[in-house]
Protein backbone atom coordinates (compact mmCIF):
# COMPACT_ATOMS: atom_id res chain seq x y z
CA UNK A 1 107.91 162.15 73.68
CA UNK A 2 110.18 159.91 75.79
CA UNK A 3 109.84 162.35 78.72
CA UNK A 4 106.06 161.92 78.61
CA UNK A 5 106.45 158.13 78.82
CA UNK A 6 108.84 158.39 81.78
CA UNK A 7 106.47 160.77 83.57
CA UNK A 8 103.52 158.44 82.93
CA UNK A 9 105.30 155.39 84.33
CA UNK A 10 106.60 157.31 87.34
CA UNK A 11 103.07 158.53 88.00
CA UNK A 12 101.89 154.88 88.09
CA UNK A 13 104.66 153.50 90.28
CA UNK A 14 105.76 156.56 92.20
CA UNK A 15 109.18 158.18 91.96
CA UNK A 16 111.43 155.31 93.01
CA UNK A 17 115.13 155.76 92.40
CA UNK A 18 114.90 153.07 89.73
CA UNK A 19 111.62 151.52 88.67
CA UNK A 20 112.16 147.82 87.86
CA UNK A 21 110.83 146.09 84.79
CA UNK A 22 109.01 143.47 86.85
CA UNK A 23 109.20 142.34 90.45
CA UNK A 24 107.09 139.98 92.56
CA UNK A 25 104.24 141.27 94.67
CA UNK A 26 103.01 139.93 98.01
CA UNK A 27 99.82 140.91 99.77
CA UNK A 28 100.29 139.43 103.24
CA UNK A 29 98.78 135.93 103.23
CA UNK A 30 102.16 134.38 102.35
CA UNK A 31 103.32 134.59 105.99
CA UNK A 32 100.58 132.23 107.12
CA UNK A 33 101.64 129.41 104.80
CA UNK A 34 105.38 129.91 104.99
CA UNK A 35 105.23 130.18 108.77
CA UNK A 36 103.28 126.93 109.01
CA UNK A 37 105.82 125.21 106.79
CA UNK A 38 108.81 126.38 108.82
CA UNK A 39 107.10 125.16 111.98
CA UNK A 40 106.50 121.73 110.45
CA UNK A 41 108.94 118.88 109.99
CA UNK A 42 108.60 119.06 106.19
CA UNK A 43 110.75 122.00 105.16
CA UNK A 44 112.73 120.45 102.32
CA UNK A 45 111.46 118.41 99.39
CA UNK A 46 108.37 116.62 100.66
CA UNK A 47 105.16 117.69 102.29
CA UNK A 48 101.54 118.65 101.92
CA UNK A 49 102.12 122.01 100.25
CA UNK A 50 103.80 120.50 97.19
CA UNK A 51 100.72 118.37 96.59
CA UNK A 52 98.34 121.27 97.28
CA UNK A 53 100.24 123.58 94.95
CA UNK A 54 100.11 120.97 92.19
CA UNK A 55 96.38 120.50 92.71
CA UNK A 56 95.74 124.26 92.61
CA UNK A 57 97.67 124.78 89.37
CA UNK A 58 95.99 121.78 87.73
CA UNK A 59 92.56 123.02 88.77
CA UNK A 60 93.22 126.59 87.64
CA UNK A 61 94.62 125.62 84.25
CA UNK A 62 92.12 122.85 83.57
CA UNK A 63 94.82 120.18 83.28
CA UNK A 64 94.19 116.77 84.84
CA UNK A 65 97.66 116.49 86.38
CA UNK A 66 100.42 118.81 87.54
CA UNK A 67 103.95 118.03 88.76
CA UNK A 68 106.00 120.67 90.55
CA UNK A 69 109.69 121.23 89.77
CA UNK A 70 112.49 123.43 91.03
CA UNK A 71 112.20 125.86 88.09
CA UNK A 72 110.61 126.30 84.67
CA UNK A 73 113.71 125.19 82.77
CA UNK A 74 113.81 121.84 84.57
CA UNK A 75 110.08 121.44 83.87
CA UNK A 76 110.70 122.00 80.16
CA UNK A 77 113.67 119.61 80.16
CA UNK A 78 111.57 116.84 81.70
CA UNK A 79 108.58 117.59 79.47
CA UNK A 80 110.76 117.03 76.40
CA UNK A 81 112.06 113.75 77.82
CA UNK A 82 108.49 112.65 78.48
CA UNK A 83 107.66 112.86 74.76
CA UNK A 84 110.84 110.99 73.78
CA UNK A 85 113.27 113.73 72.78
CA UNK A 86 116.90 112.54 72.81
CA UNK A 87 120.19 112.93 70.91
CA UNK A 88 118.69 111.32 67.80
CA UNK A 89 116.06 114.04 67.55
CA UNK A 90 115.46 117.60 66.50
CA UNK A 91 112.93 119.99 67.99
CA UNK A 92 111.10 122.81 66.23
CA UNK A 93 110.87 126.06 68.19
CA UNK A 94 111.03 129.82 67.75
CA UNK A 95 114.18 131.97 67.78
CA UNK A 96 112.40 134.78 69.63
CA UNK A 97 112.35 133.28 73.12
CA UNK A 98 114.19 133.19 76.41
CA UNK A 99 117.33 131.06 76.40
CA UNK A 100 115.72 128.37 78.60
CA UNK A 101 113.66 127.10 75.65
CA UNK A 102 116.69 126.28 73.54
CA UNK A 103 118.75 125.17 76.54
CA UNK A 104 116.17 122.56 77.57
CA UNK A 105 116.24 121.09 74.07
CA UNK A 106 120.03 120.90 74.28
CA UNK A 107 119.90 119.20 77.70
CA UNK A 108 118.19 116.28 75.93
CA UNK A 109 121.03 116.07 73.41
CA UNK A 110 118.72 117.28 70.63
CA UNK A 111 119.16 120.23 68.27
CA UNK A 112 116.67 123.04 67.87
CA UNK A 113 115.33 124.12 64.49
CA UNK A 114 114.21 127.74 64.48
CA UNK A 115 110.93 128.71 62.84
CA UNK A 116 109.65 132.26 62.40
CA UNK A 117 107.08 133.96 64.63
CA UNK A 118 103.96 135.99 63.89
CA UNK A 119 104.17 139.72 64.52
CA UNK A 120 100.76 139.89 66.17
CA UNK A 121 101.41 137.14 68.74
CA UNK A 122 105.25 137.12 68.97
CA UNK A 123 104.81 133.34 69.04
CA UNK A 124 105.53 130.52 66.62
CA UNK A 125 103.90 131.10 63.23
CA UNK A 126 101.67 128.23 62.01
CA UNK A 127 102.13 129.44 58.44
CA UNK A 128 105.93 129.34 58.71
CA UNK A 129 105.80 126.00 60.52
CA UNK A 130 103.70 124.42 57.78
CA UNK A 131 105.88 125.84 55.03
CA UNK A 132 109.06 124.53 56.66
CA UNK A 133 107.67 121.03 57.18
CA UNK A 134 106.28 120.78 53.65
CA UNK A 135 109.63 121.76 52.16
CA UNK A 136 112.03 120.05 54.52
CA UNK A 137 110.42 116.91 55.94
CA UNK A 138 108.50 113.72 55.25
CA UNK A 139 106.80 111.04 57.34
CA UNK A 140 108.43 107.62 56.95
CA UNK A 141 106.80 104.19 57.06
CA UNK A 142 107.26 104.08 60.82
CA UNK A 143 105.29 107.29 61.22
CA UNK A 144 108.32 109.40 62.14
CA UNK A 145 108.81 112.90 60.77
CA UNK A 146 112.23 112.95 59.09
CA UNK A 147 114.27 116.04 58.27
CA UNK A 148 115.29 115.69 54.60
CA UNK A 149 118.50 117.62 55.21
CA UNK A 150 119.83 115.98 58.38
CA UNK A 151 117.95 112.63 58.22
CA UNK A 152 117.10 113.04 61.92
CA UNK A 153 113.69 112.62 63.53
CA UNK A 154 111.79 115.85 64.17
CA UNK A 155 110.27 114.66 67.41
CA UNK A 156 108.70 117.69 69.05
CA UNK A 157 107.63 121.28 68.63
CA UNK A 158 107.96 123.89 71.40
CA UNK A 159 105.88 127.01 70.77
CA UNK A 160 106.08 129.79 73.35
CA UNK A 161 103.37 132.14 74.62
CA UNK A 162 105.57 135.24 74.60
CA UNK A 163 105.10 137.77 77.42
CA UNK A 164 101.87 135.94 78.30
CA UNK A 165 100.26 136.49 74.88
CA UNK A 166 98.93 133.19 73.47
CA UNK A 167 100.21 132.08 70.09
CA UNK A 168 97.93 130.36 67.53
CA UNK A 169 98.37 127.14 69.40
CA UNK A 170 95.39 125.24 67.99
CA UNK A 171 96.71 125.62 64.43
CA UNK A 172 100.18 124.56 65.55
CA UNK A 173 98.82 121.43 67.21
CA UNK A 174 96.85 120.46 64.09
CA UNK A 175 99.89 120.87 61.83
CA UNK A 176 102.03 118.81 64.19
CA UNK A 177 99.43 116.03 64.30
CA UNK A 178 99.77 115.67 60.53
CA UNK A 179 103.49 115.01 60.94
CA UNK A 180 103.30 112.99 64.20
CA UNK A 181 105.19 115.69 66.08
CA UNK A 182 104.50 116.08 69.80
CA UNK A 183 103.71 119.59 71.06
CA UNK A 184 105.30 120.76 74.31
CA UNK A 185 103.98 124.20 75.24
CA UNK A 186 106.41 126.66 76.77
CA UNK A 187 103.81 128.46 78.86
CA UNK A 188 106.38 129.74 81.34
CA UNK A 189 105.07 133.30 81.08
CA UNK A 190 101.38 132.67 80.50
CA UNK A 191 99.75 131.43 83.69
CA UNK A 192 96.32 133.02 83.53
CA UNK A 193 96.25 133.39 79.72
CA UNK A 194 93.61 131.77 77.51
CA UNK A 195 93.22 131.05 73.82
CA UNK A 196 89.68 130.54 72.52
CA UNK A 197 88.57 130.00 76.09
CA UNK A 198 91.14 127.31 76.91
CA UNK A 199 94.13 127.85 79.19
CA UNK A 200 97.59 127.91 77.64
CA UNK A 201 99.70 124.85 78.40
CA UNK A 202 96.78 122.47 77.92
CA UNK A 203 96.67 122.25 74.11
CA UNK A 204 99.74 120.09 73.59
CA UNK A 205 100.82 116.76 75.05
CA UNK A 206 102.60 118.56 77.88
CA UNK A 207 102.84 122.16 79.05
CA UNK A 208 105.08 123.97 81.52
CA UNK A 209 104.77 127.04 83.74
CA UNK A 210 107.42 129.05 85.58
CA UNK A 211 107.29 130.66 89.02
CA UNK A 212 110.57 132.52 88.78
CA UNK A 213 110.91 135.69 90.85
CA UNK A 214 109.65 137.90 88.02
CA UNK A 215 106.59 135.87 86.98
CA UNK A 216 102.97 136.80 87.67
CA UNK A 217 103.13 134.63 90.78
CA UNK A 218 106.36 133.38 92.29
CA UNK A 219 107.78 130.72 94.56
CA UNK A 220 111.19 132.39 94.34
CA UNK A 221 112.00 129.78 91.72
CA UNK A 222 109.81 126.89 90.70
CA UNK A 223 108.10 125.34 87.72
CA UNK A 224 105.18 123.07 86.89
CA UNK A 225 104.55 120.37 84.31
CA UNK A 226 100.90 119.95 83.29
CA UNK A 227 99.35 117.17 81.23
CA UNK A 228 96.15 115.18 80.78
CA UNK A 229 98.13 111.96 80.41
CA UNK A 230 98.24 110.05 83.70
CA UNK A 231 101.17 107.84 82.66
CA UNK A 232 103.25 110.88 81.68
CA UNK A 233 102.39 112.64 84.94
CA UNK A 234 103.51 109.61 86.98
CA UNK A 235 106.73 109.37 85.01
CA UNK A 236 107.34 113.10 85.46
CA UNK A 237 106.98 112.76 89.22
CA UNK A 238 109.29 109.73 89.20
CA UNK A 239 112.19 111.18 87.23
CA UNK A 240 112.00 114.59 88.93
CA UNK A 241 112.47 112.87 92.30
CA UNK A 242 115.73 111.05 91.38
CA UNK A 243 113.83 108.05 89.93
CA UNK A 244 113.65 106.53 93.40
CA UNK A 245 111.55 103.36 93.68
CA UNK A 246 109.16 103.70 96.66
CA UNK A 247 110.28 101.66 99.66
CA UNK A 248 110.03 102.17 103.43
CA UNK A 249 113.81 102.35 103.87
CA UNK A 250 115.80 101.02 100.88
CA UNK A 251 117.43 103.33 98.32
CA UNK A 252 116.67 101.91 94.89
CA UNK A 253 116.69 103.93 91.66
CA UNK A 254 115.62 102.30 88.40
CA UNK A 255 116.91 104.89 85.87
CA UNK A 256 118.82 108.14 85.65
CA UNK A 257 116.66 110.72 87.39
CA UNK A 258 116.91 114.36 88.37
CA UNK A 259 116.81 116.19 91.67
CA UNK A 260 114.23 118.61 90.29
CA UNK A 261 111.82 118.54 93.25
CA UNK A 262 110.24 121.76 94.43
CA UNK A 263 110.71 122.27 98.16
CA UNK A 264 107.70 122.25 100.44
CA UNK A 265 108.73 125.70 101.67
CA UNK A 266 108.63 127.12 98.13
CA UNK A 267 105.35 125.33 97.45
CA UNK A 268 103.80 126.95 100.53
CA UNK A 269 104.60 130.33 99.02
CA UNK A 270 103.07 129.11 95.76
CA UNK A 271 99.84 128.11 97.50
CA UNK A 272 99.54 131.58 99.00
CA UNK A 273 100.31 133.25 95.69
CA UNK A 274 97.76 131.10 93.85
CA UNK A 275 95.08 132.51 96.16
CA UNK A 276 95.98 135.97 94.84
CA UNK A 277 96.49 135.01 91.18
CA UNK A 278 93.15 136.25 89.89
CA UNK A 279 93.71 139.58 91.64
CA UNK A 280 97.17 139.87 90.09
CA UNK A 281 95.79 139.12 86.61
CA UNK A 282 93.12 141.80 87.01
CA UNK A 283 95.74 144.35 88.10
CA UNK A 284 98.01 143.38 85.18
CA UNK A 285 95.17 143.84 82.70
CA UNK A 286 94.28 147.16 84.34
CA UNK A 287 97.87 148.32 83.91
CA UNK A 288 97.84 147.24 80.25
CA UNK A 289 94.60 149.16 79.73
CA UNK A 290 96.23 152.29 81.14
CA UNK A 291 99.15 151.85 78.77
CA UNK A 292 96.77 151.31 75.85
CA UNK A 293 95.01 154.58 76.62
CA UNK A 294 98.31 156.39 76.88
CA UNK A 295 99.75 155.05 73.61
CA UNK A 296 96.58 155.08 71.48
CA UNK A 297 97.37 158.46 69.93
CA UNK A 298 101.10 157.81 69.76
CA UNK A 299 103.31 156.61 66.92
CA UNK A 300 104.53 153.95 69.36
CA UNK A 301 102.51 150.72 69.33
CA UNK A 302 101.73 148.79 72.50
CA UNK A 303 101.60 145.03 71.95
CA UNK A 304 98.09 143.90 72.86
CA UNK A 305 96.49 140.50 73.30
CA UNK A 306 95.97 138.75 69.94
CA UNK A 307 92.63 137.88 68.38
CA UNK A 308 90.74 135.11 70.25
CA UNK A 309 93.10 135.46 73.23
CA UNK A 310 92.89 136.69 76.80
CA UNK A 311 96.37 137.55 78.03
CA UNK A 312 97.72 137.88 81.55
CA UNK A 313 99.87 140.77 80.22
CA UNK A 314 102.83 139.48 82.21
CA UNK A 315 105.18 141.87 80.42
CA UNK A 316 104.07 144.94 78.53
CA UNK A 317 105.99 145.68 75.36
CA UNK A 318 106.06 148.42 72.77
CA UNK A 319 107.18 148.50 69.15
CA UNK A 320 109.48 151.33 68.05
CA UNK A 321 110.03 152.51 64.50
CA UNK A 322 113.49 151.00 64.02
CA UNK A 323 116.59 149.87 65.90
CA UNK A 324 117.96 153.40 66.14
CA UNK A 325 114.81 154.66 67.84
CA UNK A 326 114.76 151.56 70.03
CA UNK A 327 118.28 152.24 71.27
CA UNK A 328 117.52 155.93 71.89
CA UNK A 329 114.46 154.95 73.94
CA UNK A 330 116.38 152.35 75.96
CA UNK A 331 119.11 154.84 76.85
CA UNK A 332 116.73 157.67 77.71
CA UNK A 333 114.45 155.62 79.96
CA UNK A 334 117.23 153.82 81.81
CA UNK A 335 119.10 157.11 82.28
CA UNK A 336 115.93 158.55 83.81
CA UNK A 337 115.17 155.87 86.37
CA UNK A 338 112.92 153.56 84.34
CA UNK A 339 114.15 150.05 83.67
CA UNK A 340 113.44 149.02 80.08
CA UNK A 341 115.08 146.35 77.97
CA UNK A 342 115.01 145.06 74.41
CA UNK A 343 113.41 141.77 73.53
CA UNK A 344 115.78 138.81 73.62
CA UNK A 345 118.56 138.41 71.10
CA UNK A 346 117.44 135.73 68.66
CA UNK A 347 118.60 132.23 69.62
CA UNK A 348 120.11 131.56 66.18
CA UNK A 349 122.41 134.59 66.67
CA UNK A 350 123.91 133.14 69.85
CA UNK A 351 127.23 131.35 69.49
CA UNK A 352 126.01 127.95 70.68
CA UNK A 353 123.03 127.89 68.30
CA UNK A 354 124.43 129.70 65.27
CA UNK A 355 124.77 126.48 63.24
CA UNK A 356 121.20 125.32 63.83
CA UNK A 357 118.84 124.96 60.89
CA UNK A 358 116.44 127.87 60.42
CA UNK A 359 113.43 128.75 58.33
CA UNK A 360 112.85 132.24 56.98
CA UNK A 361 113.05 134.40 60.13
CA UNK A 362 111.97 137.76 58.67
CA UNK A 363 109.42 138.57 61.37
CA UNK A 364 111.75 137.57 64.20
CA UNK A 365 114.51 139.86 62.90
CA UNK A 366 112.01 142.71 62.45
CA UNK A 367 110.77 142.35 66.03
CA UNK A 368 114.26 141.97 67.48
CA UNK A 369 115.14 145.44 66.19
CA UNK A 370 112.01 147.16 67.54
CA UNK A 371 110.45 145.58 70.63
CA UNK A 372 111.12 146.97 74.11
CA UNK A 373 109.67 145.85 77.45
CA UNK A 374 108.43 148.56 79.80
CA UNK A 375 107.61 148.50 83.52
CA UNK A 376 105.06 145.75 84.17
CA UNK A 377 104.98 144.95 87.89
CA UNK A 378 101.59 144.52 89.54
CA UNK A 379 100.52 147.86 91.02
CA UNK A 380 99.00 147.32 94.46
C-alpha cells in the first residue's frame, strides 16, 4: 500500500532524488519586479512595492487595511499587542498549531490557554471553547473576562486555519463576543481560503498571513496584518516601523517599537507572486483532487475542506489508523525519497508550555498520533 502512494507521488512530481513536502514556485514574472527594485534607490525598508503589496493583499482578502511585516510571527505578535494583550492577560488558542502561535502570545508576556480542536477542521473547536469559558470564566463589572482559576484577564482568542482549512470561525467570534474576548485570526497558512464566502483573516478584529518560503506565495519571509479598523492599522504601521514619529530629519520615537518592516525588495517579490496567486490556488486544488481520487477507495483518509469552506489546500494531510501505522508510513516514505512529516507536537507537550492551563484535548491528542503531511508543492 505504501509503495502505491510513493509511486503516485513520484508520478506527479517526477523522480527527484528527494521530493520535498512543500517548496515555493515561481513562474517568471518575479524578475521584472525584483529587477526594478534593485535598480531603484529603495532596496531596503521603504518604497512603492511595500505599499502596493499591502494594497493587493487587502483587496484580495476583502480587508480594508493591510500592514506588511518581516514575517508571520511578527505580524501575530503585533496583532496581539493591538488588541491589548500584555503580561496581565491570558490568550485562548489551540494546542495543534505551529510554534509561532504560542510564541507570539509569550512575546507579549501573556500565557496561552489550550482549547481542543475539531477533527473535521483541525482548528479550534467552538464547542470546546464554549464549554471551557462556561466552566472556567466570568465577565466582571468592568466587562473583562476573568479566569476563575488564575484571576487573570482572558483578553484574546487565537484560532488557526490549519493547513489552509478554515475553522468554524463565525461560531468562535460569536462566543468570544459574549465574553468580550478579542479574536485574532492566525491565518498564516490560509491565504486564498474562504469560510461561508468570506476570506479567512477578516472575521476577527485582526488577522495575519505569512509569506514564509513554504507558503502558497512567498516573499522569502514576510507577513501581513489585516484589519477593518483604521486606528489599529495606523498603530500597526507605527509600531512595526520602530514607532518613529514622522519628521523630515529628526529621530523621535514615542514608544517602544519594533523593526518589523518588510523590505521593498521582498515586497516586490510579493507583488509578483500575488499576480500568480489565483493560478497557484487552482493548481493546489487540482492536486488535492488528484489525491482525493487516489485515496477514495483506501483505508487512509485524506483531510478535505470542511463544510461551508473553500480551502487553498496549502498542505495536504492524511489520517492513519494509529501512531504505529503513522510511524511506519513516515519511515517508508522518507526512506523512498518522499518527504513526509507528522503534524506538530502539541504545544502543551513542549517544555515551555507544559504548565499552561488546558481544556479537554481529546481530539488534539487523537490527531497528533495519526496525521501526516504529504507532498503539496504547486505542480507547474
